[in-house]
Amino acid sequence: MNKYEVGKRIIDIYNLFLNTMKAELYLQHEEELDELYELLQLDGEVTESLLELYKEILILNQQVAQLLQQLQSTNRKMQQVSYNSYAQATDSYFMDKKG
């Protein structure tokens, strides 16, 4: 696989993740992405088309990082809401039993 094909594969994975917004999908491809990034190391001649590909990957990488942060934040909030709902129901149960 040449660098251009490697870059296109990274872009395909990123776009798939950005379109579905499912963290599990990103995690499923994380190892492959690591391997692809190793193959994409900047060495040797860098053509204009390859440089444009790198720029596109960088932009998508930033978007993916932001989306992952948003999903993690939402997940933490949902866990807190779930915990609070459970705690409040439990508290009122004990208050009813005492009262």
PDB file of N, CA and C in Angstrom:
ATOM      1  N   MET A   1       0.861  -1.171   0.000  1.00  0.00           N
ATOM      2  CA  MET A   1       0.000   0.000   0.000  1.00  0.00           C
ATOM      3  C   MET A   1       0.910   1.237   0.000  1.00  0.00           C
ATOM      4  N   ASN A   2       0.723   2.128  -0.978  1.00  0.00           N
ATOM      5  CA  ASN A   2       1.536   3.340  -0.999  1.00  0.00           C
ATOM      6  C   ASN A   2       0.961   4.398  -0.039  1.00  0.00           C
ATOM      7  N   LYS A   3       1.707   5.469   0.174  1.00  0.00           N
ATOM      8  CA  LYS A   3       1.301   6.486   1.151  1.00  0.00           C
ATOM      9  C   LYS A   3      -0.042   7.116   0.803  1.00  0.00           C
ATOM     10  N   TYR A   4      -0.296   7.296  -0.471  1.00  0.00           N
ATOM     11  CA  TYR A   4      -1.572   7.886  -0.878  1.00  0.00           C
ATOM     12  C   TYR A   4      -2.729   6.959  -0.512  1.00  0.00           C
ATOM     13  N   GLU A   5      -2.582   5.673  -0.756  1.00  0.00           N
ATOM     14  CA  GLU A   5      -3.626   4.698  -0.394  1.00  0.00           C
ATOM     15  C   GLU A   5      -3.807   4.626   1.123  1.00  0.00           C
ATOM     16  N   VAL A   6      -2.694   4.693   1.856  1.00  0.00           N
ATOM     17  CA  VAL A   6      -2.754   4.687   3.320  1.00  0.00           C
ATOM     18  C   VAL A   6      -3.532   5.903   3.805  1.00  0.00           C
ATOM     19  N   GLY A   7      -3.207   7.069   3.241  1.00  0.00           N
ATOM     20  CA  GLY A   7      -3.905   8.299   3.620  1.00  0.00           C
ATOM     21  C   GLY A   7      -5.388   8.232   3.315  1.00  0.00           C
ATOM     22  N   LYS A   8      -5.731   7.695   2.168  1.00  0.00           N
ATOM     23  CA  LYS A   8      -7.144   7.559   1.800  1.00  0.00           C
ATOM     24  C   LYS A   8      -7.878   6.619   2.759  1.00  0.00           C
ATOM     25  N   ARG A   9      -7.212   5.562   3.194  1.00  0.00           N
ATOM     26  CA  ARG A   9      -7.836   4.628   4.147  1.00  0.00           C
ATOM     27  C   ARG A   9      -8.097   5.328   5.485  1.00  0.00           C
ATOM     28  N   ILE A  10      -7.144   6.138   5.942  1.00  0.00           N
ATOM     29  CA  ILE A  10      -7.336   6.899   7.182  1.00  0.00           C
ATOM     30  C   ILE A  10      -8.533   7.824   7.038  1.00  0.00           C
ATOM     31  N   ILE A  11      -8.619   8.508   5.918  1.00  0.00           N
ATOM     32  CA  ILE A  11      -9.731   9.424   5.663  1.00  0.00           C
ATOM     33  C   ILE A  11     -11.054   8.662   5.641  1.00  0.00           C
ATOM     34  N   ASP A  12     -11.073   7.497   5.009  1.00  0.00           N
ATOM     35  CA  ASP A  12     -12.298   6.683   4.976  1.00  0.00           C
ATOM     36  C   ASP A  12     -12.756   6.310   6.383  1.00  0.00           C
ATOM     37  N   ILE A  13     -11.815   5.899   7.227  1.00  0.00           N
ATOM     38  CA  ILE A  13     -12.163   5.527   8.607  1.00  0.00           C
ATOM     39  C   ILE A  13     -12.686   6.745   9.361  1.00  0.00           C
ATOM     40  N   TYR A  14     -11.996   7.871   9.233  1.00  0.00           N
ATOM     41  CA  TYR A  14     -12.434   9.092   9.917  1.00  0.00           C
ATOM     42  C   TYR A  14     -13.828   9.515   9.462  1.00  0.00           C
ATOM     43  N   ASN A  15     -14.060   9.498   8.157  1.00  0.00           N
ATOM     44  CA  ASN A  15     -15.377   9.898   7.647  1.00  0.00           C
ATOM     45  C   ASN A  15     -16.474   8.952   8.120  1.00  0.00           C
ATOM     46  N   LEU A  16     -16.189   7.679   8.153  1.00  0.00           N
ATOM     47  CA  LEU A  16     -17.158   6.704   8.649  1.00  0.00           C
ATOM     48  C   LEU A  16     -17.520   7.021  10.100  1.00  0.00           C
ATOM     49  N   PHE A  17     -16.509   7.293  10.910  1.00  0.00           N
ATOM     50  CA  PHE A  17     -16.744   7.630  12.313  1.00  0.00           C
ATOM     51  C   PHE A  17     -17.524   8.937  12.444  1.00  0.00           C
ATOM     52  N   LEU A  18     -17.119   9.961  11.697  1.00  0.00           N
ATOM     53  CA  LEU A  18     -17.792  11.259  11.786  1.00  0.00           C
ATOM     54  C   LEU A  18     -19.240  11.175  11.319  1.00  0.00           C
ATOM     55  N   ASN A  19     -19.517  10.321  10.346  1.00  0.00           N
ATOM     56  CA  ASN A  19     -20.885  10.180   9.843  1.00  0.00           C
ATOM     57  C   ASN A  19     -21.787   9.396  10.793  1.00  0.00           C
ATOM     58  N   THR A  20     -21.223   8.426  11.500  1.00  0.00           N
ATOM     59  CA  THR A  20     -22.041   7.614  12.402  1.00  0.00           C
ATOM     60  C   THR A  20     -22.046   8.150  13.826  1.00  0.00           C
ATOM     61  N   MET A  21     -20.988   8.864  14.210  1.00  0.00           N
ATOM     62  CA  MET A  21     -20.838   9.438  15.555  1.00  0.00           C
ATOM     63  C   MET A  21     -20.899   8.359  16.638  1.00  0.00           C
ATOM     64  N   LYS A  22     -20.328   7.205  16.360  1.00  0.00           N
ATOM     65  CA  LYS A  22     -20.308   6.105  17.328  1.00  0.00           C
ATOM     66  C   LYS A  22     -18.868   5.860  17.767  1.00  0.00           C
ATOM     67  N   ALA A  23     -18.608   6.091  19.047  1.00  0.00           N
ATOM     68  CA  ALA A  23     -17.255   5.926  19.581  1.00  0.00           C
ATOM     69  C   ALA A  23     -16.760   4.495  19.407  1.00  0.00           C
ATOM     70  N   GLU A  24     -17.680   3.526  19.491  1.00  0.00           N
ATOM     71  CA  GLU A  24     -17.282   2.128  19.346  1.00  0.00           C
ATOM     72  C   GLU A  24     -16.637   1.885  17.985  1.00  0.00           C
ATOM     73  N   LEU A  25     -17.147   2.566  16.977  1.00  0.00           N
ATOM     74  CA  LEU A  25     -16.610   2.404  15.629  1.00  0.00           C
ATOM     75  C   LEU A  25     -15.166   2.889  15.574  1.00  0.00           C
ATOM     76  N   TYR A  26     -14.912   4.019  16.215  1.00  0.00           N
ATOM     77  CA  TYR A  26     -13.544   4.531  16.255  1.00  0.00           C
ATOM     78  C   TYR A  26     -12.636   3.553  16.993  1.00  0.00           C
ATOM     79  N   LEU A  27     -13.107   3.061  18.123  1.00  0.00           N
ATOM     80  CA  LEU A  27     -12.300   2.143  18.927  1.00  0.00           C
ATOM     81  C   LEU A  27     -12.006   0.847  18.174  1.00  0.00           C
ATOM     82  N   GLN A  28     -12.950   0.403  17.349  1.00  0.00           N
ATOM     83  CA  GLN A  28     -12.741  -0.808  16.549  1.00  0.00           C
ATOM     84  C   GLN A  28     -11.602  -0.628  15.544  1.00  0.00           C
ATOM     85  N   HIS A  29     -11.398   0.605  15.083  1.00  0.00           N
ATOM     86  CA  HIS A  29     -10.384   0.879  14.061  1.00  0.00           C
ATOM     87  C   HIS A  29      -9.116   1.513  14.634  1.00  0.00           C
ATOM     88  N   GLU A  30      -9.061   1.689  15.940  1.00  0.00           N
ATOM     89  CA  GLU A  30      -7.937   2.405  16.547  1.00  0.00           C
ATOM     90  C   GLU A  30      -6.589   1.738  16.260  1.00  0.00           C
ATOM     91  N   GLU A  31      -6.526   0.429  16.371  1.00  0.00           N
ATOM     92  CA  GLU A  31      -5.270  -0.285  16.110  1.00  0.00           C
ATOM     93  C   GLU A  31      -4.860  -0.151  14.641  1.00  0.00           C
ATOM     94  N   GLU A  32      -5.833  -0.279  13.751  1.00  0.00           N
ATOM     95  CA  GLU A  32      -5.539  -0.120  12.320  1.00  0.00           C
ATOM     96  C   GLU A  32      -5.041   1.291  12.033  1.00  0.00           C
ATOM     97  N   LEU A  33      -5.662   2.290  12.669  1.00  0.00           N
ATOM     98  CA  LEU A  33      -5.226   3.671  12.471  1.00  0.00           C
ATOM     99  C   LEU A  33      -3.784   3.860  12.935  1.00  0.00           C
ATOM    100  N   ASP A  34      -3.434   3.278  14.065  1.00  0.00           N
ATOM    101  CA  ASP A  34      -2.054   3.371  14.550  1.00  0.00           C
ATOM    102  C   ASP A  34      -1.082   2.792  13.528  1.00  0.00           C
ATOM    103  N   GLU A  35      -1.427   1.640  12.981  1.00  0.00           N
ATOM    104  CA  GLU A  35      -0.574   1.000  11.978  1.00  0.00           C
ATOM    105  C   GLU A  35      -0.486   1.853  10.712  1.00  0.00           C
ATOM    106  N   LEU A  36      -1.619   2.418  10.302  1.00  0.00           N
ATOM    107  CA  LEU A  36      -1.628   3.251   9.101  1.00  0.00           C
ATOM    108  C   LEU A  36      -0.784   4.508   9.296  1.00  0.00           C
ATOM    109  N   TYR A  37      -0.869   5.110  10.484  1.00  0.00           N
ATOM    110  CA  TYR A  37      -0.062   6.301  10.747  1.00  0.00           C
ATOM    111  C   TYR A  37       1.430   5.986  10.713  1.00  0.00           C
ATOM    112  N   GLU A  38       1.813   4.797  11.151  1.00  0.00           N
ATOM    113  CA  GLU A  38       3.219   4.404  11.062  1.00  0.00           C
ATOM    114  C   GLU A  38       3.658   4.319   9.603  1.00  0.00           C
ATOM    115  N   LEU A  39       2.782   3.814   8.747  1.00  0.00           N
ATOM    116  CA  LEU A  39       3.100   3.714   7.321  1.00  0.00           C
ATOM    117  C   LEU A  39       3.132   5.076   6.639  1.00  0.00           C
ATOM    118  N   LEU A  40       2.474   6.046   7.247  1.00  0.00           N
ATOM    119  CA  LEU A  40       2.321   7.360   6.625  1.00  0.00           C
ATOM    120  C   LEU A  40       3.444   8.328   6.997  1.00  0.00           C
ATOM    121  N   GLN A  41       4.417   7.890   7.770  1.00  0.00           N
ATOM    122  CA  GLN A  41       5.497   8.766   8.217  1.00  0.00           C
ATOM    123  C   GLN A  41       6.041   9.588   7.045  1.00  0.00           C
ATOM    124  N   LEU A  42       6.283  10.867   7.326  1.00  0.00           N
ATOM    125  CA  LEU A  42       6.825  11.754   6.299  1.00  0.00           C
ATOM    126  C   LEU A  42       8.312  11.464   6.102  1.00  0.00           C
ATOM    127  N   ASP A  43       8.628  10.740   5.086  1.00  0.00           N
ATOM    128  CA  ASP A  43      10.021  10.526   4.721  1.00  0.00           C
ATOM    129  C   ASP A  43      10.082  10.417   3.210  1.00  0.00           C
ATOM    130  N   GLY A  44      11.194  10.773   2.662  1.00  0.00           N
ATOM    131  CA  GLY A  44      11.315  10.730   1.214  1.00  0.00           C
ATOM    132  C   GLY A  44      10.628  11.924   0.567  1.00  0.00           C
ATOM    133  N   GLU A  45      10.325  11.785  -0.690  1.00  0.00           N
ATOM    134  CA  GLU A  45       9.721  12.868  -1.465  1.00  0.00           C
ATOM    135  C   GLU A  45       8.247  13.044  -1.105  1.00  0.00           C
ATOM    136  N   VAL A  46       7.866  14.301  -0.901  1.00  0.00           N
ATOM    137  CA  VAL A  46       6.471  14.616  -0.597  1.00  0.00           C
ATOM    138  C   VAL A  46       5.906  15.406  -1.770  1.00  0.00           C
ATOM    139  N   THR A  47       4.965  14.811  -2.469  1.00  0.00           N
ATOM    140  CA  THR A  47       4.347  15.477  -3.607  1.00  0.00           C
ATOM    141  C   THR A  47       3.261  16.429  -3.129  1.00  0.00           C
ATOM    142  N   GLU A  48       2.828  17.292  -4.004  1.00  0.00           N
ATOM    143  CA  GLU A  48       1.766  18.249  -3.679  1.00  0.00           C
ATOM    144  C   GLU A  48       0.471  17.524  -3.308  1.00  0.00           C
ATOM    145  N   SER A  49       0.131  16.481  -4.051  1.00  0.00           N
ATOM    146  CA  SER A  49      -1.104  15.745  -3.750  1.00  0.00           C
ATOM    147  C   SER A  49      -1.008  15.040  -2.397  1.00  0.00           C
ATOM    148  N   LEU A  50       0.165  14.538  -2.066  1.00  0.00           N
ATOM    149  CA  LEU A  50       0.356  13.894  -0.766  1.00  0.00           C
ATOM    150  C   LEU A  50       0.290  14.922   0.358  1.00  0.00           C
ATOM    151  N   LEU A  51       0.828  16.099   0.130  1.00  0.00           N
ATOM    152  CA  LEU A  51       0.758  17.169   1.124  1.00  0.00           C
ATOM    153  C   LEU A  51      -0.691  17.580   1.371  1.00  0.00           C
ATOM    154  N   GLU A  52      -1.483  17.676   0.314  1.00  0.00           N
ATOM    155  CA  GLU A  52      -2.909  17.992   0.458  1.00  0.00           C
ATOM    156  C   GLU A  52      -3.633  16.894   1.240  1.00  0.00           C
ATOM    157  N   LEU A  53      -3.261  15.666   0.982  1.00  0.00           N
ATOM    158  CA  LEU A  53      -3.846  14.536   1.701  1.00  0.00           C
ATOM    159  C   LEU A  53      -3.517  14.629   3.191  1.00  0.00           C
ATOM    160  N   TYR A  54      -2.277  14.970   3.512  1.00  0.00           N
ATOM    161  CA  TYR A  54      -1.874  15.133   4.916  1.00  0.00           C
ATOM    162  C   TYR A  54      -2.684  16.236   5.589  1.00  0.00           C
ATOM    163  N   LYS A  55      -2.896  17.333   4.873  1.00  0.00           N
ATOM    164  CA  LYS A  55      -3.681  18.441   5.433  1.00  0.00           C
ATOM    165  C   LYS A  55      -5.117  17.999   5.715  1.00  0.00           C
ATOM    166  N   GLU A  56      -5.697  17.257   4.785  1.00  0.00           N
ATOM    167  CA  GLU A  56      -7.063  16.757   4.974  1.00  0.00           C
ATOM    168  C   GLU A  56      -7.134  15.813   6.178  1.00  0.00           C
ATOM    169  N   ILE A  57      -6.132  14.963   6.313  1.00  0.00           N
ATOM    170  CA  ILE A  57      -6.084  14.046   7.459  1.00  0.00           C
ATOM    171  C   ILE A  57      -5.972  14.831   8.758  1.00  0.00           C
ATOM    172  N   LEU A  58      -5.156  15.865   8.774  1.00  0.00           N
ATOM    173  CA  LEU A  58      -4.991  16.684   9.977  1.00  0.00           C
ATOM    174  C   LEU A  58      -6.312  17.329  10.392  1.00  0.00           C
ATOM    175  N   ILE A  59      -7.032  17.880   9.429  1.00  0.00           N
ATOM    176  CA  ILE A  59      -8.330  18.513   9.716  1.00  0.00           C
ATOM    177  C   ILE A  59      -9.318  17.477  10.244  1.00  0.00           C
ATOM    178  N   LEU A  60      -9.399  16.335   9.583  1.00  0.00           N
ATOM    179  CA  LEU A  60     -10.307  15.273  10.035  1.00  0.00           C
ATOM    180  C   LEU A  60      -9.904  14.751  11.413  1.00  0.00           C
ATOM    181  N   ASN A  61      -8.603  14.664  11.653  1.00  0.00           N
ATOM    182  CA  ASN A  61      -8.119  14.206  12.949  1.00  0.00           C
ATOM    183  C   ASN A  61      -8.595  15.148  14.053  1.00  0.00           C
ATOM    184  N   GLN A  62      -8.545  16.447  13.805  1.00  0.00           N
ATOM    185  CA  GLN A  62      -9.024  17.423  14.786  1.00  0.00           C
ATOM    186  C   GLN A  62     -10.527  17.279  15.006  1.00  0.00           C
ATOM    187  N   GLN A  63     -11.278  17.069  13.937  1.00  0.00           N
ATOM    188  CA  GLN A  63     -12.725  16.883  14.061  1.00  0.00           C
ATOM    189  C   GLN A  63     -13.048  15.616  14.852  1.00  0.00           C
ATOM    190  N   VAL A  64     -12.307  14.558  14.594  1.00  0.00           N
ATOM    191  CA  VAL A  64     -12.508  13.298  15.316  1.00  0.00           C
ATOM    192  C   VAL A  64     -12.201  13.492  16.796  1.00  0.00           C
ATOM    193  N   ALA A  65     -11.114  14.184  17.101  1.00  0.00           N
ATOM    194  CA  ALA A  65     -10.748  14.425  18.503  1.00  0.00           C
ATOM    195  C   ALA A  65     -11.839  15.219  19.216  1.00  0.00           C
ATOM    196  N   GLN A  66     -12.378  16.243  18.551  1.00  0.00           N
ATOM    197  CA  GLN A  66     -13.459  17.037  19.145  1.00  0.00           C
ATOM    198  C   GLN A  66     -14.703  16.190  19.368  1.00  0.00           C
ATOM    199  N   LEU A  67     -15.050  15.380  18.397  1.00  0.00           N
ATOM    200  CA  LEU A  67     -16.236  14.536  18.526  1.00  0.00           C
ATOM    201  C   LEU A  67     -16.061  13.514  19.647  1.00  0.00           C
ATOM    202  N   LEU A  68     -14.880  12.932  19.750  1.00  0.00           N
ATOM    203  CA  LEU A  68     -14.626  11.984  20.835  1.00  0.00           C
ATOM    204  C   LEU A  68     -14.767  12.663  22.194  1.00  0.00           C
ATOM    205  N   GLN A  69     -14.271  13.896  22.307  1.00  0.00           N
ATOM    206  CA  GLN A  69     -14.411  14.639  23.564  1.00  0.00           C
ATOM    207  C   GLN A  69     -15.876  14.900  23.871  1.00  0.00           C
ATOM    208  N   GLN A  70     -16.642  15.285  22.867  1.00  0.00           N
ATOM    209  CA  GLN A  70     -18.072  15.537  23.068  1.00  0.00           C
ATOM    210  C   GLN A  70     -18.794  14.263  23.504  1.00  0.00           C
ATOM    211  N   LEU A  71     -18.481  13.156  22.854  1.00  0.00           N
ATOM    212  CA  LEU A  71     -19.122  11.888  23.207  1.00  0.00           C
ATOM    213  C   LEU A  71     -18.756  11.456  24.627  1.00  0.00           C
ATOM    214  N   GLN A  72     -17.498  11.657  25.009  1.00  0.00           N
ATOM    215  CA  GLN A  72     -17.081  11.317  26.372  1.00  0.00           C
ATOM    216  C   GLN A  72     -17.786  12.202  27.388  1.00  0.00           C
ATOM    217  N   SER A  73     -17.902  13.491  27.080  1.00  0.00           N
ATOM    218  CA  SER A  73     -18.583  14.424  27.977  1.00  0.00           C
ATOM    219  C   SER A  73     -20.053  14.052  28.123  1.00  0.00           C
ATOM    220  N   THR A  74     -20.695  13.744  27.010  1.00  0.00           N
ATOM    221  CA  THR A  74     -22.103  13.336  27.042  1.00  0.00           C
ATOM    222  C   THR A  74     -22.267  12.046  27.834  1.00  0.00           C
ATOM    223  N   ASN A  75     -21.354  11.119  27.645  1.00  0.00           N
ATOM    224  CA  ASN A  75     -21.414   9.849  28.369  1.00  0.00           C
ATOM    225  C   ASN A  75     -21.289  10.076  29.876  1.00  0.00           C
ATOM    226  N   ARG A  76     -20.362  10.949  30.277  1.00  0.00           N
ATOM    227  CA  ARG A  76     -20.207  11.248  31.705  1.00  0.00           C
ATOM    228  C   ARG A  76     -21.467  11.891  32.266  1.00  0.00           C
ATOM    229  N   LYS A  77     -22.067  12.812  31.502  1.00  0.00           N
ATOM    230  CA  LYS A  77     -23.298  13.468  31.954  1.00  0.00           C
ATOM    231  C   LYS A  77     -24.428  12.457  32.096  1.00  0.00           C
ATOM    232  N   MET A  78     -24.536  11.546  31.138  1.00  0.00           N
ATOM    233  CA  MET A  78     -25.583  10.528  31.195  1.00  0.00           C
ATOM    234  C   MET A  78     -25.385   9.613  32.402  1.00  0.00           C
ATOM    235  N   GLN A  79     -24.151   9.266  32.687  1.00  0.00           N
ATOM    236  CA  GLN A  79     -23.877   8.432  33.856  1.00  0.00           C
ATOM    237  C   GLN A  79     -24.254   9.169  35.138  1.00  0.00           C
ATOM    238  N   GLN A  80     -23.961  10.479  35.193  1.00  0.00           N
ATOM    239  CA  GLN A  80     -24.292  11.266  36.375  1.00  0.00           C
ATOM    240  C   GLN A  80     -25.802  11.372  36.531  1.00  0.00           C
ATOM    241  N   VAL A  81     -26.512  11.615  35.436  1.00  0.00           N
ATOM    242  CA  VAL A  81     -27.975  11.690  35.486  1.00  0.00           C
ATOM    243  C   VAL A  81     -28.539  10.354  35.947  1.00  0.00           C
ATOM    244  N   SER A  82     -28.009   9.281  35.417  1.00  0.00           N
ATOM    245  CA  SER A  82     -28.474   7.952  35.801  1.00  0.00           C
ATOM    246  C   SER A  82     -28.226   7.714  37.287  1.00  0.00           C
ATOM    247  N   TYR A  83     -27.057   8.080  37.762  1.00  0.00           N
ATOM    248  CA  TYR A  83     -26.732   7.899  39.176  1.00  0.00           C
ATOM    249  C   TYR A  83     -27.636   8.767  40.044  1.00  0.00           C
ATOM    250  N   ASN A  84     -27.821  10.030  39.637  1.00  0.00           N
ATOM    251  CA  ASN A  84     -28.668  10.936  40.416  1.00  0.00           C
ATOM    252  C   ASN A  84     -30.105  10.441  40.467  1.00  0.00           C
ATOM    253  N   SER A  85     -30.616   9.933  39.365  1.00  0.00           N
ATOM    254  CA  SER A  85     -31.986   9.414  39.336  1.00  0.00           C
ATOM    255  C   SER A  85     -32.124   8.232  40.282  1.00  0.00           C
ATOM    256  N   TYR A  86     -31.144   7.365  40.270  1.00  0.00           N
ATOM    257  CA  TYR A  86     -31.169   6.201  41.152  1.00  0.00           C
ATOM    258  C   TYR A  86     -31.051   6.641  42.611  1.00  0.00           C
ATOM    259  N   ALA A  87     -30.133   7.567  42.889  1.00  0.00           N
ATOM    260  CA  ALA A  87     -29.912   8.011  44.265  1.00  0.00           C
ATOM    261  C   ALA A  87     -31.150   8.708  44.811  1.00  0.00           C
ATOM    262  N   GLN A  88     -31.798   9.540  44.012  1.00  0.00           N
ATOM    263  CA  GLN A  88     -32.989  10.247  44.477  1.00  0.00           C
ATOM    264  C   GLN A  88     -34.121   9.266  44.750  1.00  0.00           C
ATOM    265  N   ALA A  89     -34.308   8.312  43.898  1.00  0.00           N
ATOM    266  CA  ALA A  89     -35.371   7.326  44.111  1.00  0.00           C
ATOM    267  C   ALA A  89     -35.088   6.522  45.374  1.00  0.00           C
ATOM    268  N   THR A  90     -33.850   6.167  45.582  1.00  0.00           N
ATOM    269  CA  THR A  90     -33.476   5.408  46.772  1.00  0.00           C
ATOM    270  C   THR A  90     -33.671   6.244  48.026  1.00  0.00           C
ATOM    271  N   ASP A  91     -33.274   7.513  47.970  1.00  0.00           N
ATOM    272  CA  ASP A  91     -33.426   8.400  49.124  1.00  0.00           C
ATOM    273  C   ASP A  91     -34.890   8.552  49.503  1.00  0.00           C
ATOM    274  N   SER A  92     -35.749   8.781  48.525  1.00  0.00           N
ATOM    275  CA  SER A  92     -37.164   8.967  48.840  1.00  0.00           C
ATOM    276  C   SER A  92     -37.779   7.658  49.342  1.00  0.00           C
ATOM    277  N   TYR A  93     -37.283   6.527  48.877  1.00  0.00           N
ATOM    278  CA  TYR A  93     -37.770   5.236  49.374  1.00  0.00           C
ATOM    279  C   TYR A  93     -37.477   5.118  50.871  1.00  0.00           C
ATOM    280  N   PHE A  94     -36.255   5.482  51.254  1.00  0.00           N
ATOM    281  CA  PHE A  94     -35.908   5.395  52.674  1.00  0.00           C
ATOM    282  C   PHE A  94     -36.674   6.413  53.507  1.00  0.00           C
ATOM    283  N   MET A  95     -36.924   7.579  52.938  1.00  0.00           N
ATOM    284  CA  MET A  95     -37.686   8.584  53.683  1.00  0.00           C
ATOM    285  C   MET A  95     -39.114   8.092  53.900  1.00  0.00           C
ATOM    286  N   ASP A  96     -39.710   7.460  52.903  1.00  0.00           N
ATOM    287  CA  ASP A  96     -41.069   6.932  53.046  1.00  0.00           C
ATOM    288  C   ASP A  96     -41.112   5.838  54.106  1.00  0.00           C
ATOM    289  N   LYS A  97     -40.095   5.012  54.142  1.00  0.00           N
ATOM    290  CA  LYS A  97     -40.066   3.922  55.117  1.00  0.00           C
ATOM    291  C   LYS A  97     -39.943   4.466  56.543  1.00  0.00           C
ATOM    292  N   LYS A  98     -39.170   5.547  56.701  1.00  0.00           N
ATOM    293  CA  LYS A  98     -38.991   6.126  58.030  1.00  0.00           C
ATOM    294  C   LYS A  98     -40.225   6.900  58.454  1.00  0.00           C
ATOM    295  N   GLY A  99     -40.853   7.580  57.496  1.00  0.00           N
ATOM    296  CA  GLY A  99     -41.971   8.469  57.779  1.00  0.00           C
ATOM    297  C   GLY A  99     -43.192   7.711  58.059  1.00  0.00           C
TER     298      GLY A  99
END
